[in-house]
Amino acid sequence: MTYLDRVHGELARISAAEQRRSVRAALPPGTADFSSNDYLGLATDERVVGALRAAERAGSGGSRLLGGAYAEHAALERALAEWTGREAALLFSSGYLAALGAITALASCVDVAYSDALVHACIIDGLRLTKLERHIVPHAEPPQRGNDARAALIVTESAFGMDGSRAPLPALVDGLRDADVLLVDEAHALGVAGHAGAGHAALRRDPRIVVIGTLSKALGAGGGFAAGPAEVIELLTNRARTFIFDTALPPALAAAAQQALAIVRGAEGEELRTRVRALAARIRDDVRELGYDVRGDDGPIVPIVLGSEGAALALARGLEERGVHAPAIRPPTVPPGTSRLRISLRANHTPAEIDRLLGALRDAALVAR
């Protein structure tokens, strides 16, 4: 048996579980897309795209510690630190790499790790790399540590990307001990939650809090970052392998992200946040009335939980036939038995697109009955 025979067998097992995926070249013309994380619609904003095009070079050419350092990086880091209420920030080439780098570097400062049961794969992978003793905490609950006095790394998302729910940040902060670190992934909160869109942790100026985030969602650009006390950022600069050995973020993307950040922090950003929250509230209420199991809080993510992979695939296909793209989310992205559609609202969704989504869901509900 060759390795390709084993590849064939593995693909057959994925198909049998209705978990096989494929990458498409593009959506059909005219499709209303409800899958994007571009929550404020800034990825196509002419000012953000203009900043990208005005850059003098495309790639950075090397790591930041070699020849890949540019003024755009440093300016964006200063702006991100100020925005998130931290002393300093460090750019990575993706949010995934920011999580891996921050977790593995901070692991040397603690003895044990706790993570929410629904954290993103980047957090799970980062914790596995540390070899720390890891405890998985029930979703949206603080860890029960008893008399264990060991220094802990506690990791959570502030807004959970597939569930639309929030972390219990007040309880997590109240439970911190002097030697602990709370790492908060703000990927799905930045831009859409908190004062000036700075996320749920921004006003908590506790040095035990370190924030990680992405520039690829509400900021409409690309890349990731970590922000926290200046000495923590210096530690990451010297110990985070995903920073040290990775080619730096293209300066053009850094310039685009800084332009988007300026919009997010201003009055226009508040208008965009208000609009996307209102759209999400409407969709959440209307879809519940159609009889669907709708999860989530008040953010732009509206999960419709179907249960089985087959049910989620069937609904996704039904919507696509009606010109709506909302792909099925299946294990391992979500826990078994919770396959769903994840409706992602954007501030630039048109009334016609919203009506098409609700009409497609209404038609599918009638067919199911």
Protein backbone atom coordinates (compact mmCIF):
# COMPACT_ATOMS: atom_id res chain seq x y z
CA MET A 1 0.00 0.00 0.00
CA THR A 2 1.40 3.41 -0.99
CA TYR A 3 0.90 6.64 0.91
CA LEU A 4 -1.48 7.74 -1.86
CA ASP A 5 -3.65 4.71 -1.12
CA ARG A 6 -3.81 5.88 2.48
CA VAL A 7 -4.62 9.42 1.32
CA HIS A 8 -7.48 7.96 -0.73
CA GLY A 9 -8.74 6.06 2.30
CA GLU A 10 -8.57 9.12 4.53
CA LEU A 11 -10.51 11.19 2.00
CA ALA A 12 -13.11 8.44 1.79
CA ARG A 13 -13.54 8.55 5.58
CA ILE A 14 -13.93 12.35 5.49
CA SER A 15 -16.55 12.02 2.75
CA ALA A 16 -18.45 9.33 4.63
CA ALA A 17 -18.69 11.64 7.64
CA GLU A 18 -20.05 14.42 5.38
CA GLN A 19 -17.10 16.60 6.37
CA ARG A 20 -15.27 16.87 3.04
CA ARG A 21 -14.58 20.40 1.85
CA SER A 22 -13.31 21.98 -1.33
CA VAL A 23 -12.06 25.41 -2.33
CA ARG A 24 -14.01 27.25 -5.00
CA ALA A 25 -12.48 29.81 -7.33
CA ALA A 26 -15.16 32.43 -6.68
CA LEU A 27 -18.82 32.82 -5.79
CA PRO A 28 -21.31 32.83 -8.66
CA PRO A 29 -22.01 36.37 -9.91
CA GLY A 30 -24.78 38.12 -8.01
CA THR A 31 -24.58 35.83 -4.96
CA ALA A 32 -25.36 37.48 -1.63
CA ASP A 33 -22.46 36.52 0.64
CA PHE A 34 -23.21 35.92 4.33
CA SER A 35 -19.95 34.13 5.17
CA SER A 36 -17.40 36.97 5.26
CA ASN A 37 -15.81 38.33 8.45
CA ASP A 38 -15.48 41.76 6.83
CA TYR A 39 -17.99 43.02 9.39
CA LEU A 40 -17.75 46.74 8.62
CA GLY A 41 -17.34 46.36 4.86
CA LEU A 42 -13.90 47.98 4.90
CA ALA A 43 -12.13 45.42 2.69
CA THR A 44 -13.58 47.18 -0.35
CA ASP A 45 -13.62 50.73 1.04
CA GLU A 46 -11.94 53.01 -1.52
CA ARG A 47 -9.80 54.68 1.17
CA VAL A 48 -8.50 51.37 2.50
CA VAL A 49 -7.84 50.01 -0.99
CA GLY A 50 -6.26 53.35 -1.90
CA ALA A 51 -3.80 53.08 0.99
CA LEU A 52 -2.87 49.60 -0.22
CA ARG A 53 -2.27 50.81 -3.77
CA ALA A 54 -0.25 53.84 -2.64
CA ALA A 55 2.40 51.68 -0.97
CA GLU A 56 5.86 51.79 -2.56
CA ARG A 57 6.41 48.05 -2.38
CA ALA A 58 4.41 44.83 -2.09
CA GLY A 59 6.31 42.28 0.01
CA SER A 60 8.48 43.12 3.01
CA GLY A 61 11.43 41.04 1.83
CA GLY A 62 12.35 39.48 5.16
CA SER A 63 11.67 39.19 8.86
CA ARG A 64 11.35 42.33 10.97
CA LEU A 65 14.62 41.49 12.73
CA LEU A 66 16.47 41.38 9.40
CA GLY A 67 15.55 43.53 6.40
CA GLY A 68 11.76 43.46 6.65
CA ALA A 69 11.17 46.42 8.98
CA TYR A 70 9.32 49.45 7.65
CA ALA A 71 7.82 52.63 9.04
CA GLU A 72 4.31 51.35 8.27
CA HIS A 73 4.80 48.50 10.75
CA ALA A 74 5.92 50.72 13.62
CA ALA A 75 3.15 53.27 13.02
CA LEU A 76 0.47 50.59 13.00
CA GLU A 77 1.83 49.00 16.18
CA ARG A 78 1.66 52.32 18.01
CA ALA A 79 -1.92 52.86 16.85
CA LEU A 80 -2.99 49.33 17.81
CA ALA A 81 -1.48 49.63 21.30
CA GLU A 82 -3.25 52.94 21.92
CA TRP A 83 -6.55 51.62 20.54
CA THR A 84 -6.58 48.45 22.66
CA GLY A 85 -5.40 50.20 25.84
CA ARG A 86 -2.05 48.40 26.05
CA GLU A 87 1.50 49.71 26.38
CA ALA A 88 2.85 48.16 23.19
CA ALA A 89 1.94 45.91 20.28
CA LEU A 90 3.72 43.56 17.88
CA LEU A 91 2.63 42.67 14.35
CA PHE A 92 2.52 39.13 12.98
CA SER A 93 1.70 38.06 9.43
CA SER A 94 -1.62 36.51 10.55
CA GLY A 95 -3.83 36.26 13.58
CA TYR A 96 -3.15 32.52 13.68
CA LEU A 97 0.58 33.15 13.99
CA ALA A 98 0.00 35.85 16.61
CA ALA A 99 -1.79 33.27 18.77
CA LEU A 100 0.91 30.62 18.31
CA GLY A 101 3.68 33.12 19.03
CA ALA A 102 2.08 34.68 22.10
CA ILE A 103 1.06 31.40 23.70
CA THR A 104 4.38 29.64 23.22
CA ALA A 105 6.39 32.65 24.43
CA LEU A 106 4.22 33.21 27.52
CA ALA A 107 4.33 29.51 28.43
CA SER A 108 7.78 29.99 29.93
CA CYS A 109 6.25 32.34 32.53
CA VAL A 110 3.54 29.99 33.86
CA ASP A 111 3.07 26.42 35.08
CA VAL A 112 -0.36 25.37 33.81
CA ALA A 113 -2.92 26.41 31.19
CA TYR A 114 -6.70 26.75 31.11
CA SER A 115 -8.70 27.33 27.94
CA ASP A 116 -12.38 27.68 27.07
CA ALA A 117 -13.87 24.61 25.39
CA LEU A 118 -14.76 26.57 22.23
CA VAL A 119 -11.51 28.43 21.55
CA HIS A 120 -10.22 28.66 17.99
CA ALA A 121 -7.86 26.05 16.53
CA CYS A 122 -4.94 28.53 16.68
CA ILE A 123 -5.22 28.58 20.49
CA ILE A 124 -5.52 24.80 20.72
CA ASP A 125 -2.47 24.37 18.48
CA GLY A 126 -0.48 26.94 20.44
CA LEU A 127 -1.22 25.25 23.76
CA ARG A 128 -0.28 21.86 22.36
CA LEU A 129 3.09 23.25 21.31
CA THR A 130 3.82 24.44 24.86
CA LYS A 131 3.56 20.98 26.46
CA LEU A 132 1.94 22.71 29.45
CA GLU A 133 -0.58 20.77 31.51
CA ARG A 134 -3.85 21.93 29.97
CA HIS A 135 -7.34 22.06 31.42
CA ILE A 136 -10.33 22.58 29.12
CA VAL A 137 -12.94 24.75 30.84
CA PRO A 138 -16.69 24.48 30.08
CA HIS A 139 -17.71 27.17 27.63
CA ALA A 140 -18.15 30.68 29.04
CA GLU A 141 -17.25 29.64 32.58
CA PRO A 142 -14.26 30.70 34.72
CA PRO A 143 -11.79 27.93 35.60
CA GLN A 144 -12.32 26.08 38.87
CA ARG A 145 -8.79 25.98 40.27
CA GLY A 146 -9.44 25.08 43.91
CA ASN A 147 -6.26 25.14 45.96
CA ASP A 148 -3.98 24.93 42.92
CA ALA A 149 -1.68 27.93 43.43
CA ARG A 150 0.37 27.41 40.25
CA ALA A 151 0.81 30.34 37.89
CA ALA A 152 -1.71 29.92 35.09
CA LEU A 153 -2.10 30.98 31.48
CA ILE A 154 -5.85 31.42 30.95
CA VAL A 155 -6.90 31.70 27.32
CA THR A 156 -10.24 32.70 25.86
CA GLU A 157 -11.86 34.44 22.94
CA SER A 158 -13.78 37.54 23.97
CA ALA A 159 -16.41 36.94 21.26
CA PHE A 160 -16.52 33.39 19.95
CA GLY A 161 -16.30 33.23 16.19
CA MET A 162 -18.51 30.21 15.53
CA ASP A 163 -20.91 30.54 18.45
CA GLY A 164 -21.53 34.29 18.60
CA SER A 165 -21.30 34.15 22.40
CA ARG A 166 -19.11 36.11 24.83
CA ALA A 167 -16.52 35.18 27.41
CA PRO A 168 -17.22 36.01 31.07
CA LEU A 169 -14.40 38.57 31.15
CA PRO A 170 -15.36 40.20 34.48
CA ALA A 171 -15.30 36.82 36.25
CA LEU A 172 -12.06 35.82 34.53
CA VAL A 173 -10.34 39.03 35.61
CA ASP A 174 -11.70 38.80 39.16
CA GLY A 175 -10.29 35.29 39.44
CA LEU A 176 -6.76 36.21 38.36
CA ARG A 177 -3.90 35.78 40.79
CA ASP A 178 -0.77 37.88 40.77
CA ALA A 179 1.27 35.34 38.77
CA ASP A 180 -1.42 34.61 36.18
CA VAL A 181 -1.75 35.75 32.57
CA LEU A 182 -5.11 36.17 30.81
CA LEU A 183 -4.71 35.97 27.04
CA VAL A 184 -7.79 37.36 25.28
CA ASP A 185 -8.35 36.71 21.58
CA GLU A 186 -10.34 39.73 20.37
CA ALA A 187 -10.43 38.66 16.70
CA HIS A 188 -14.23 38.78 16.36
CA ALA A 189 -14.77 41.74 18.71
CA LEU A 190 -12.29 44.27 17.36
CA GLY A 191 -14.01 46.88 15.24
CA VAL A 192 -17.54 45.89 16.28
CA ALA A 193 -17.53 45.91 20.12
CA GLY A 194 -16.32 48.14 22.92
CA HIS A 195 -15.45 51.83 23.04
CA ALA A 196 -14.31 52.97 19.59
CA GLY A 197 -14.57 49.34 18.50
CA ALA A 198 -11.50 48.44 20.57
CA GLY A 199 -12.93 45.16 21.87
CA HIS A 200 -14.24 43.87 25.17
CA ALA A 201 -10.92 44.01 27.04
CA ALA A 202 -9.81 47.52 26.05
CA LEU A 203 -11.01 49.33 29.16
CA ARG A 204 -9.53 46.71 31.49
CA ARG A 205 -6.06 48.15 31.98
CA ASP A 206 -4.74 45.21 33.97
CA PRO A 207 -1.11 44.27 33.13
CA ARG A 208 -2.01 40.60 33.52
CA ILE A 209 -4.14 40.89 30.36
CA VAL A 210 -2.52 40.32 26.97
CA VAL A 211 -4.61 40.81 23.84
CA ILE A 212 -4.25 39.10 20.47
CA GLY A 213 -6.20 40.04 17.38
CA THR A 214 -6.38 40.10 13.63
CA LEU A 215 -6.40 42.80 10.97
CA SER A 216 -8.29 40.56 8.54
CA LYS A 217 -11.83 40.80 9.87
CA ALA A 218 -13.45 44.14 10.77
CA LEU A 219 -10.35 46.04 9.62
CA GLY A 220 -10.64 44.47 6.19
CA ALA A 221 -6.88 44.03 5.68
CA GLY A 222 -4.56 41.19 6.71
CA GLY A 223 -2.17 40.22 9.48
CA GLY A 224 -2.39 39.87 13.25
CA PHE A 225 -0.94 41.32 16.43
CA ALA A 226 -0.37 40.90 20.14
CA ALA A 227 -0.64 43.80 22.59
CA GLY A 228 0.21 44.09 26.27
CA PRO A 229 2.82 45.40 28.70
CA ALA A 230 5.95 46.67 26.96
CA GLU A 231 8.11 43.95 28.54
CA VAL A 232 5.73 41.25 27.32
CA ILE A 233 6.01 42.58 23.77
CA GLU A 234 9.80 42.61 24.14
CA LEU A 235 9.64 38.97 25.25
CA LEU A 236 7.58 38.08 22.18
CA THR A 237 10.04 39.91 19.96
CA ASN A 238 12.79 37.67 21.32
CA ARG A 239 10.94 34.39 21.87
CA ALA A 240 7.93 34.16 19.53
CA ARG A 241 9.16 31.91 16.73
CA THR A 242 6.25 32.91 14.48
CA PHE A 243 7.58 36.47 14.64
CA ILE A 244 11.34 35.84 14.59
CA PHE A 245 11.41 33.37 11.70
CA ASP A 246 8.48 34.60 9.61
CA THR A 247 8.63 37.09 6.76
CA ALA A 248 7.12 40.34 7.99
CA LEU A 249 3.66 41.54 7.07
CA PRO A 250 3.76 43.38 3.72
CA PRO A 251 4.00 47.12 4.45
CA ALA A 252 1.18 47.72 1.97
CA LEU A 253 -1.16 45.69 4.19
CA ALA A 254 0.02 47.57 7.27
CA ALA A 255 -0.82 50.87 5.55
CA ALA A 256 -4.26 49.60 4.56
CA ALA A 257 -4.94 48.39 8.12
CA GLN A 258 -3.94 51.76 9.56
CA GLN A 259 -6.35 53.55 7.23
CA ALA A 260 -9.12 51.16 8.24
CA LEU A 261 -8.28 51.70 11.91
CA ALA A 262 -8.64 55.44 11.51
CA ILE A 263 -12.15 54.89 10.12
CA VAL A 264 -13.08 52.41 12.85
CA ARG A 265 -12.01 54.78 15.65
CA GLY A 266 -13.98 57.75 14.30
CA ALA A 267 -17.63 58.74 14.06
CA GLU A 268 -18.05 56.75 10.85
CA GLY A 269 -16.87 53.62 12.63
CA GLU A 270 -19.56 54.09 15.27
CA GLU A 271 -22.19 54.43 12.55
CA LEU A 272 -20.98 51.21 10.91
CA ARG A 273 -21.04 49.36 14.24
CA THR A 274 -24.56 50.57 14.95
CA ARG A 275 -25.73 49.43 11.52
CA VAL A 276 -24.23 45.94 11.69
CA ARG A 277 -25.58 45.38 15.21
CA ALA A 278 -29.06 46.43 14.07
CA LEU A 279 -28.90 44.09 11.08
CA ALA A 280 -27.80 41.20 13.29
CA ALA A 281 -30.57 41.87 15.81
CA ARG A 282 -33.16 41.88 13.03
CA ILE A 283 -31.86 38.67 11.46
CA ARG A 284 -31.63 36.95 14.84
CA ASP A 285 -35.26 37.78 15.70
CA ASP A 286 -36.68 37.03 12.26
CA VAL A 287 -34.88 33.70 11.90
CA ARG A 288 -36.04 32.58 15.35
CA GLU A 289 -39.60 33.32 14.26
CA LEU A 290 -39.08 30.93 11.36
CA GLY A 291 -38.44 28.16 13.88
CA TYR A 292 -34.68 27.82 13.60
CA ASP A 293 -32.34 27.22 16.58
CA VAL A 294 -30.49 30.55 16.66
CA ARG A 295 -27.53 31.13 18.98
CA GLY A 296 -25.35 34.13 19.80
CA ASP A 297 -25.49 37.43 21.64
CA ASP A 298 -25.52 40.89 20.08
CA GLY A 299 -22.63 40.72 17.63
CA PRO A 300 -22.63 40.26 13.84
CA ILE A 301 -22.44 36.44 14.01
CA VAL A 302 -25.80 34.63 13.90
CA PRO A 303 -25.37 30.82 14.14
CA ILE A 304 -28.27 28.64 13.00
CA VAL A 305 -27.66 25.24 14.61
CA LEU A 306 -29.00 22.26 12.65
CA GLY A 307 -27.25 19.38 14.44
CA SER A 308 -26.10 16.90 11.81
CA GLU A 309 -23.69 17.52 8.97
CA GLY A 310 -26.32 16.41 6.47
CA ALA A 311 -28.92 18.88 7.72
CA ALA A 312 -26.45 21.77 7.58
CA LEU A 313 -25.32 20.82 4.07
CA ALA A 314 -28.91 20.53 2.87
CA LEU A 315 -29.84 23.99 4.16
CA ALA A 316 -26.66 25.52 2.72
CA ARG A 317 -27.44 24.00 -0.69
CA GLY A 318 -31.02 25.25 -0.52
CA LEU A 319 -29.84 28.78 0.18
CA GLU A 320 -27.24 28.65 -2.58
CA GLU A 321 -29.92 27.66 -5.07
CA ARG A 322 -31.65 30.90 -4.08
CA GLY A 323 -28.52 33.04 -4.52
CA VAL A 324 -27.36 33.12 -0.88
CA HIS A 325 -23.91 31.94 0.25
CA ALA A 326 -23.87 30.71 3.85
CA PRO A 327 -21.76 27.54 3.91
CA ALA A 328 -22.29 24.66 6.30
CA ILE A 329 -20.00 24.71 9.34
CA ARG A 330 -19.18 21.15 10.40
CA PRO A 331 -16.76 19.31 12.70
CA PRO A 332 -13.93 19.77 13.43
CA THR A 333 -14.71 23.51 13.20
CA VAL A 334 -17.59 23.03 15.66
CA PRO A 335 -18.28 20.19 18.13
CA PRO A 336 -19.98 17.02 16.83
CA GLY A 337 -23.75 17.31 16.75
CA THR A 338 -23.71 21.11 16.38
CA SER A 339 -23.28 21.56 12.62
CA ARG A 340 -24.72 24.88 11.56
CA LEU A 341 -24.90 27.77 9.20
CA ARG A 342 -22.99 30.79 10.47
CA ILE A 343 -24.72 33.90 9.17
CA SER A 344 -22.18 36.73 9.20
CA LEU A 345 -23.61 40.22 8.86
CA ARG A 346 -21.77 43.18 7.31
CA ALA A 347 -22.51 46.88 7.58
CA ASN A 348 -22.66 47.08 3.78
CA HIS A 349 -25.25 44.37 3.26
CA THR A 350 -28.03 45.91 1.19
CA PRO A 351 -31.76 45.71 2.05
CA ALA A 352 -32.21 43.52 -1.02
CA GLU A 353 -29.56 41.06 0.23
CA ILE A 354 -31.16 40.91 3.67
CA ASP A 355 -34.56 40.25 2.11
CA ARG A 356 -33.07 37.53 -0.09
CA LEU A 357 -31.52 35.81 2.93
CA LEU A 358 -34.74 35.86 4.94
CA GLY A 359 -36.77 34.75 1.93
CA ALA A 360 -34.42 31.82 1.28
CA LEU A 361 -34.56 30.74 4.94
CA ARG A 362 -38.35 31.06 4.91
CA ASP A 363 -38.62 28.90 1.77
CA ALA A 364 -36.27 26.29 3.25
CA ALA A 365 -38.28 26.17 6.49
CA LEU A 366 -41.49 25.57 4.54
CA VAL A 367 -39.88 22.77 2.53
CA ALA A 368 -38.61 21.15 5.73
CA ARG A 369 -42.11 21.10 7.17
